[in-house]
Amino acid sequence: MAVLVGIYLLKCQSVEIPRDGASSWTATWTLLRSPSGNQLDWEPLTRRDIEKTFFREADALRAAQDQGATFARMLQGDDGLEPMPWSELHEAMPMREAVLPLRKSCAIH
C-alpha cells in the first residue's frame, strides 16, 4: 500500500505475528522522497515500526498510514495534507514512459 502525502511517498507493510495458535498484526511504514522532484527516483528517508499489535491486518495498516502521514505532515509543516492514492502505474513504469506513447508529433512542415 502506498500513498502520497505532499511531496513524500508513504509505503506501509503489514507483518503477521503468530502466537500460541493465533495471529496478531503489526506494520512498518517507510517514507520516501524524490531528490529530483520528478517522482521517478524515490529513495528511503526514514522507516519506522508500529509499536502496537492488532487483531486485524487492516487496523495495523491504518495505524502505519496514520503515523507515517503525521510524520510527513510534520516535516512539511502542513497539518492539512491528506494521503492521496499512489497509482500502481507509477510504481510499475516511470511516468515519462507511460506518457510518451500518447504524444503526437506537432511538427510544422
N, C-alpha and C. Protein backbone atom coordinates (compact mmCIF):
# COMPACT_ATOMS: atom_id res chain seq x y z
N MET A 1 0.85 -1.17 0.00
CA MET A 1 0.00 0.00 0.00
C MET A 1 0.90 1.23 0.00
N ALA A 2 0.60 2.17 -0.90
CA ALA A 2 1.40 3.38 -1.00
C ALA A 2 0.50 4.58 -1.25
N VAL A 3 0.83 5.68 -0.59
CA VAL A 3 0.08 6.93 -0.76
C VAL A 3 1.06 8.09 -0.82
N LEU A 4 0.66 9.16 -1.48
CA LEU A 4 1.43 10.39 -1.48
C LEU A 4 0.91 11.28 -0.36
N VAL A 5 1.83 11.86 0.40
CA VAL A 5 1.47 12.84 1.42
C VAL A 5 2.34 14.05 1.12
N GLY A 6 1.76 15.00 0.40
CA GLY A 6 2.55 16.15 -0.05
C GLY A 6 3.60 15.69 -1.03
N ILE A 7 4.87 15.97 -0.73
CA ILE A 7 5.95 15.59 -1.63
C ILE A 7 6.54 14.22 -1.31
N TYR A 8 6.05 13.56 -0.27
CA TYR A 8 6.60 12.28 0.16
C TYR A 8 5.71 11.11 -0.25
N LEU A 9 6.34 9.97 -0.53
CA LEU A 9 5.63 8.73 -0.79
C LEU A 9 5.71 7.89 0.48
N LEU A 10 4.56 7.43 0.93
CA LEU A 10 4.47 6.64 2.16
C LEU A 10 4.07 5.22 1.79
N LYS A 11 4.93 4.26 2.12
CA LYS A 11 4.63 2.84 1.87
C LYS A 11 4.46 2.14 3.21
N CYS A 12 3.39 1.36 3.31
CA CYS A 12 3.10 0.62 4.55
C CYS A 12 3.04 -0.87 4.25
N GLN A 13 3.58 -1.68 5.15
CA GLN A 13 3.55 -3.13 5.02
C GLN A 13 3.13 -3.75 6.34
N SER A 14 2.26 -4.75 6.23
CA SER A 14 1.82 -5.45 7.43
C SER A 14 2.78 -6.60 7.74
N VAL A 15 2.82 -6.96 9.02
CA VAL A 15 3.67 -8.06 9.49
C VAL A 15 2.82 -8.93 10.41
N GLU A 16 2.70 -10.21 10.07
CA GLU A 16 1.93 -11.14 10.89
C GLU A 16 2.82 -11.71 12.00
N ILE A 17 2.26 -11.78 13.21
CA ILE A 17 2.99 -12.30 14.36
C ILE A 17 2.20 -13.49 14.91
N PRO A 18 2.65 -14.71 14.60
CA PRO A 18 1.95 -15.90 15.13
C PRO A 18 2.30 -16.12 16.60
N ARG A 19 1.26 -16.35 17.41
CA ARG A 19 1.46 -16.61 18.84
C ARG A 19 0.43 -17.61 19.34
N ASP A 20 0.89 -18.69 19.91
CA ASP A 20 0.01 -19.67 20.55
C ASP A 20 -1.19 -20.04 19.67
N GLY A 21 -0.94 -20.31 18.40
CA GLY A 21 -2.02 -20.72 17.51
C GLY A 21 -2.86 -19.59 16.96
N ALA A 22 -2.68 -18.39 17.41
CA ALA A 22 -3.42 -17.23 16.90
C ALA A 22 -2.42 -16.26 16.28
N SER A 23 -2.94 -15.34 15.53
CA SER A 23 -2.07 -14.34 14.91
C SER A 23 -2.48 -12.94 15.32
N SER A 24 -1.51 -12.10 15.43
CA SER A 24 -1.77 -10.67 15.58
C SER A 24 -0.97 -9.98 14.49
N TRP A 25 -1.23 -8.69 14.32
CA TRP A 25 -0.61 -7.94 13.23
C TRP A 25 0.04 -6.67 13.73
N THR A 26 1.12 -6.33 13.11
CA THR A 26 1.75 -5.04 13.30
C THR A 26 2.13 -4.55 11.90
N ALA A 27 2.75 -3.40 11.81
CA ALA A 27 3.09 -2.89 10.49
C ALA A 27 4.33 -2.02 10.57
N THR A 28 4.91 -1.77 9.42
CA THR A 28 6.01 -0.84 9.28
C THR A 28 5.63 0.19 8.22
N TRP A 29 6.19 1.37 8.33
CA TRP A 29 5.99 2.36 7.29
C TRP A 29 7.33 2.95 6.90
N THR A 30 7.42 3.29 5.64
CA THR A 30 8.64 3.89 5.08
C THR A 30 8.24 5.16 4.35
N LEU A 31 8.93 6.23 4.65
CA LEU A 31 8.71 7.49 3.97
C LEU A 31 9.83 7.66 2.96
N LEU A 32 9.45 7.90 1.70
CA LEU A 32 10.42 8.06 0.63
C LEU A 32 10.33 9.47 0.05
N ARG A 33 11.42 9.93 -0.52
CA ARG A 33 11.43 11.24 -1.16
C ARG A 33 12.05 11.11 -2.55
N SER A 34 11.73 12.05 -3.39
CA SER A 34 12.28 12.10 -4.74
C SER A 34 13.24 13.29 -4.78
N PRO A 35 14.57 13.04 -4.70
CA PRO A 35 15.52 14.15 -4.64
C PRO A 35 15.40 15.12 -5.82
N SER A 36 15.07 14.61 -6.99
CA SER A 36 14.97 15.48 -8.16
C SER A 36 13.60 16.16 -8.22
N GLY A 37 12.63 15.63 -7.48
CA GLY A 37 11.28 16.19 -7.51
C GLY A 37 10.43 15.69 -8.66
N ASN A 38 10.97 14.79 -9.49
CA ASN A 38 10.21 14.30 -10.64
C ASN A 38 9.39 13.04 -10.33
N GLN A 39 9.47 12.52 -9.13
CA GLN A 39 8.75 11.33 -8.66
C GLN A 39 9.12 10.08 -9.46
N LEU A 40 10.34 10.04 -9.98
CA LEU A 40 10.83 8.86 -10.67
C LEU A 40 12.01 8.20 -9.94
N ASP A 41 12.58 8.90 -8.98
CA ASP A 41 13.79 8.43 -8.32
C ASP A 41 13.62 8.39 -6.80
N TRP A 42 12.65 7.64 -6.32
CA TRP A 42 12.35 7.59 -4.89
C TRP A 42 13.50 6.95 -4.12
N GLU A 43 13.83 7.55 -2.98
CA GLU A 43 14.81 6.97 -2.07
C GLU A 43 14.26 7.04 -0.65
N PRO A 44 14.54 6.01 0.17
CA PRO A 44 14.02 5.99 1.54
C PRO A 44 14.58 7.14 2.38
N LEU A 45 13.70 7.77 3.11
CA LEU A 45 14.09 8.84 4.03
C LEU A 45 14.12 8.32 5.46
N THR A 46 13.07 7.59 5.85
CA THR A 46 13.01 7.01 7.19
C THR A 46 12.07 5.81 7.18
N ARG A 47 12.30 4.88 8.11
CA ARG A 47 11.46 3.69 8.26
C ARG A 47 11.18 3.51 9.74
N ARG A 48 9.93 3.21 10.05
CA ARG A 48 9.54 3.00 11.46
C ARG A 48 8.61 1.80 11.58
N ASP A 49 8.64 1.19 12.74
CA ASP A 49 7.74 0.10 13.08
C ASP A 49 6.64 0.63 13.98
N ILE A 50 5.44 0.08 13.83
CA ILE A 50 4.34 0.38 14.75
C ILE A 50 4.59 -0.43 16.01
N GLU A 51 4.46 0.19 17.15
CA GLU A 51 4.77 -0.50 18.41
C GLU A 51 3.63 -1.38 18.91
N LYS A 52 2.41 -1.09 18.48
CA LYS A 52 1.26 -1.88 18.93
C LYS A 52 1.03 -3.07 18.02
N THR A 53 0.28 -4.04 18.54
CA THR A 53 -0.20 -5.14 17.70
C THR A 53 -1.71 -5.05 17.63
N PHE A 54 -2.26 -5.63 16.56
CA PHE A 54 -3.70 -5.55 16.29
C PHE A 54 -4.22 -6.94 15.94
N PHE A 55 -5.50 -7.14 16.17
CA PHE A 55 -6.12 -8.41 15.81
C PHE A 55 -6.35 -8.51 14.30
N ARG A 56 -6.51 -7.36 13.65
CA ARG A 56 -6.79 -7.35 12.21
C ARG A 56 -5.66 -6.65 11.44
N GLU A 57 -5.34 -7.22 10.29
CA GLU A 57 -4.30 -6.65 9.43
C GLU A 57 -4.65 -5.22 9.00
N ALA A 58 -5.91 -5.00 8.66
CA ALA A 58 -6.34 -3.68 8.20
C ALA A 58 -6.10 -2.61 9.26
N ASP A 59 -6.29 -2.95 10.52
CA ASP A 59 -6.06 -1.99 11.61
C ASP A 59 -4.58 -1.64 11.74
N ALA A 60 -3.72 -2.64 11.56
CA ALA A 60 -2.27 -2.39 11.63
C ALA A 60 -1.84 -1.48 10.48
N LEU A 61 -2.35 -1.73 9.28
CA LEU A 61 -2.00 -0.89 8.13
C LEU A 61 -2.52 0.54 8.30
N ARG A 62 -3.72 0.67 8.84
CA ARG A 62 -4.28 2.00 9.08
C ARG A 62 -3.43 2.78 10.10
N ALA A 63 -2.98 2.09 11.14
CA ALA A 63 -2.13 2.73 12.15
C ALA A 63 -0.80 3.17 11.52
N ALA A 64 -0.23 2.34 10.66
CA ALA A 64 1.03 2.70 10.00
C ALA A 64 0.82 3.91 9.09
N GLN A 65 -0.28 3.92 8.35
CA GLN A 65 -0.54 5.06 7.47
C GLN A 65 -0.75 6.34 8.28
N ASP A 66 -1.47 6.22 9.38
CA ASP A 66 -1.70 7.40 10.22
C ASP A 66 -0.39 7.96 10.77
N GLN A 67 0.47 7.07 11.29
CA GLN A 67 1.74 7.53 11.85
C GLN A 67 2.65 8.11 10.78
N GLY A 68 2.74 7.43 9.65
CA GLY A 68 3.59 7.92 8.57
C GLY A 68 3.11 9.24 8.00
N ALA A 69 1.78 9.39 7.83
CA ALA A 69 1.22 10.63 7.31
C ALA A 69 1.45 11.78 8.30
N THR A 70 1.31 11.50 9.58
CA THR A 70 1.56 12.51 10.60
C THR A 70 3.01 12.99 10.54
N PHE A 71 3.93 12.06 10.36
CA PHE A 71 5.35 12.41 10.26
C PHE A 71 5.61 13.25 9.00
N ALA A 72 5.01 12.86 7.87
CA ALA A 72 5.19 13.62 6.62
C ALA A 72 4.61 15.03 6.74
N ARG A 73 3.46 15.16 7.41
CA ARG A 73 2.87 16.49 7.63
C ARG A 73 3.80 17.36 8.48
N MET A 74 4.37 16.75 9.53
CA MET A 74 5.27 17.49 10.41
C MET A 74 6.50 17.97 9.65
N LEU A 75 7.08 17.11 8.81
CA LEU A 75 8.25 17.50 8.03
C LEU A 75 7.96 18.67 7.09
N GLN A 76 6.74 18.71 6.57
CA GLN A 76 6.37 19.74 5.60
C GLN A 76 5.70 20.95 6.25
N GLY A 77 5.44 20.85 7.55
CA GLY A 77 4.81 21.97 8.27
C GLY A 77 3.40 22.27 7.79
N ASP A 78 2.66 21.21 7.39
CA ASP A 78 1.31 21.40 6.86
C ASP A 78 0.39 20.31 7.41
N ASP A 79 -0.38 20.64 8.45
CA ASP A 79 -1.29 19.67 9.06
C ASP A 79 -2.47 19.31 8.17
N GLY A 80 -2.68 20.04 7.10
CA GLY A 80 -3.84 19.81 6.22
C GLY A 80 -3.59 18.81 5.10
N LEU A 81 -2.37 18.30 4.96
CA LEU A 81 -2.09 17.36 3.88
C LEU A 81 -2.80 16.04 4.11
N GLU A 82 -3.51 15.56 3.10
CA GLU A 82 -4.20 14.29 3.18
C GLU A 82 -3.52 13.28 2.26
N PRO A 83 -3.43 12.02 2.69
CA PRO A 83 -2.86 10.99 1.83
C PRO A 83 -3.68 10.82 0.56
N MET A 84 -2.99 10.73 -0.58
CA MET A 84 -3.64 10.50 -1.88
C MET A 84 -3.13 9.18 -2.43
N PRO A 85 -4.03 8.38 -3.00
CA PRO A 85 -3.58 7.08 -3.55
C PRO A 85 -2.47 7.24 -4.57
N TRP A 86 -1.52 6.35 -4.51
CA TRP A 86 -0.41 6.32 -5.46
C TRP A 86 -0.72 5.24 -6.48
N SER A 87 -0.85 5.61 -7.71
CA SER A 87 -1.22 4.69 -8.78
C SER A 87 -0.15 3.61 -8.96
N GLU A 88 -0.59 2.38 -9.17
CA GLU A 88 0.33 1.28 -9.45
C GLU A 88 1.12 1.56 -10.72
N LEU A 89 0.56 2.34 -11.63
CA LEU A 89 1.25 2.67 -12.87
C LEU A 89 2.57 3.36 -12.57
N HIS A 90 2.58 4.24 -11.58
CA HIS A 90 3.80 4.96 -11.23
C HIS A 90 4.87 4.00 -10.72
N GLU A 91 4.45 2.98 -9.99
CA GLU A 91 5.42 2.05 -9.43
C GLU A 91 5.92 1.06 -10.49
N ALA A 92 5.07 0.71 -11.45
CA ALA A 92 5.44 -0.27 -12.45
C ALA A 92 6.28 0.33 -13.57
N MET A 93 6.05 1.60 -13.89
CA MET A 93 6.71 2.22 -15.02
C MET A 93 6.88 3.71 -14.77
N PRO A 94 8.05 4.26 -15.05
CA PRO A 94 8.21 5.71 -14.89
C PRO A 94 7.18 6.46 -15.73
N MET A 95 6.71 7.59 -15.21
CA MET A 95 5.65 8.34 -15.88
C MET A 95 6.04 8.75 -17.30
N ARG A 96 7.29 9.09 -17.53
CA ARG A 96 7.67 9.53 -18.87
C ARG A 96 7.47 8.42 -19.88
N GLU A 97 7.63 7.13 -19.48
CA GLU A 97 7.41 6.02 -20.39
C GLU A 97 5.92 5.78 -20.61
N ALA A 98 5.10 6.07 -19.61
CA ALA A 98 3.66 5.87 -19.75
C ALA A 98 3.05 6.94 -20.63
N VAL A 99 3.58 8.14 -20.59
CA VAL A 99 3.01 9.26 -21.34
C VAL A 99 3.55 9.32 -22.76
N LEU A 100 4.78 8.89 -22.98
CA LEU A 100 5.42 9.01 -24.28
C LEU A 100 4.60 8.45 -25.43
N PRO A 101 4.01 7.26 -25.35
CA PRO A 101 3.24 6.75 -26.49
C PRO A 101 1.99 7.58 -26.80
N LEU A 102 1.54 8.40 -25.86
CA LEU A 102 0.33 9.19 -26.08
C LEU A 102 0.61 10.46 -26.86
N ARG A 103 1.85 10.87 -26.99
CA ARG A 103 2.20 12.10 -27.68
C ARG A 103 2.07 11.92 -29.18
N LYS A 104 1.70 13.00 -29.84
CA LYS A 104 1.67 13.04 -31.30
C LYS A 104 2.58 14.15 -31.76
N SER A 105 3.14 13.99 -32.91
CA SER A 105 4.03 14.99 -33.45
C SER A 105 3.25 16.27 -33.74
N CYS A 106 3.85 17.37 -33.37
CA CYS A 106 3.25 18.69 -33.63
C CYS A 106 4.15 19.47 -34.58
N ALA A 107 4.96 18.76 -35.34
CA ALA A 107 5.90 19.43 -36.24
C ALA A 107 5.14 20.18 -37.33
N ILE A 108 5.62 21.37 -37.66
CA ILE A 108 5.02 22.16 -38.73
C ILE A 108 5.90 22.00 -39.95
N HIS A 109 5.28 21.60 -41.06
CA HIS A 109 6.04 21.38 -42.29
C HIS A 109 5.85 22.50 -43.27
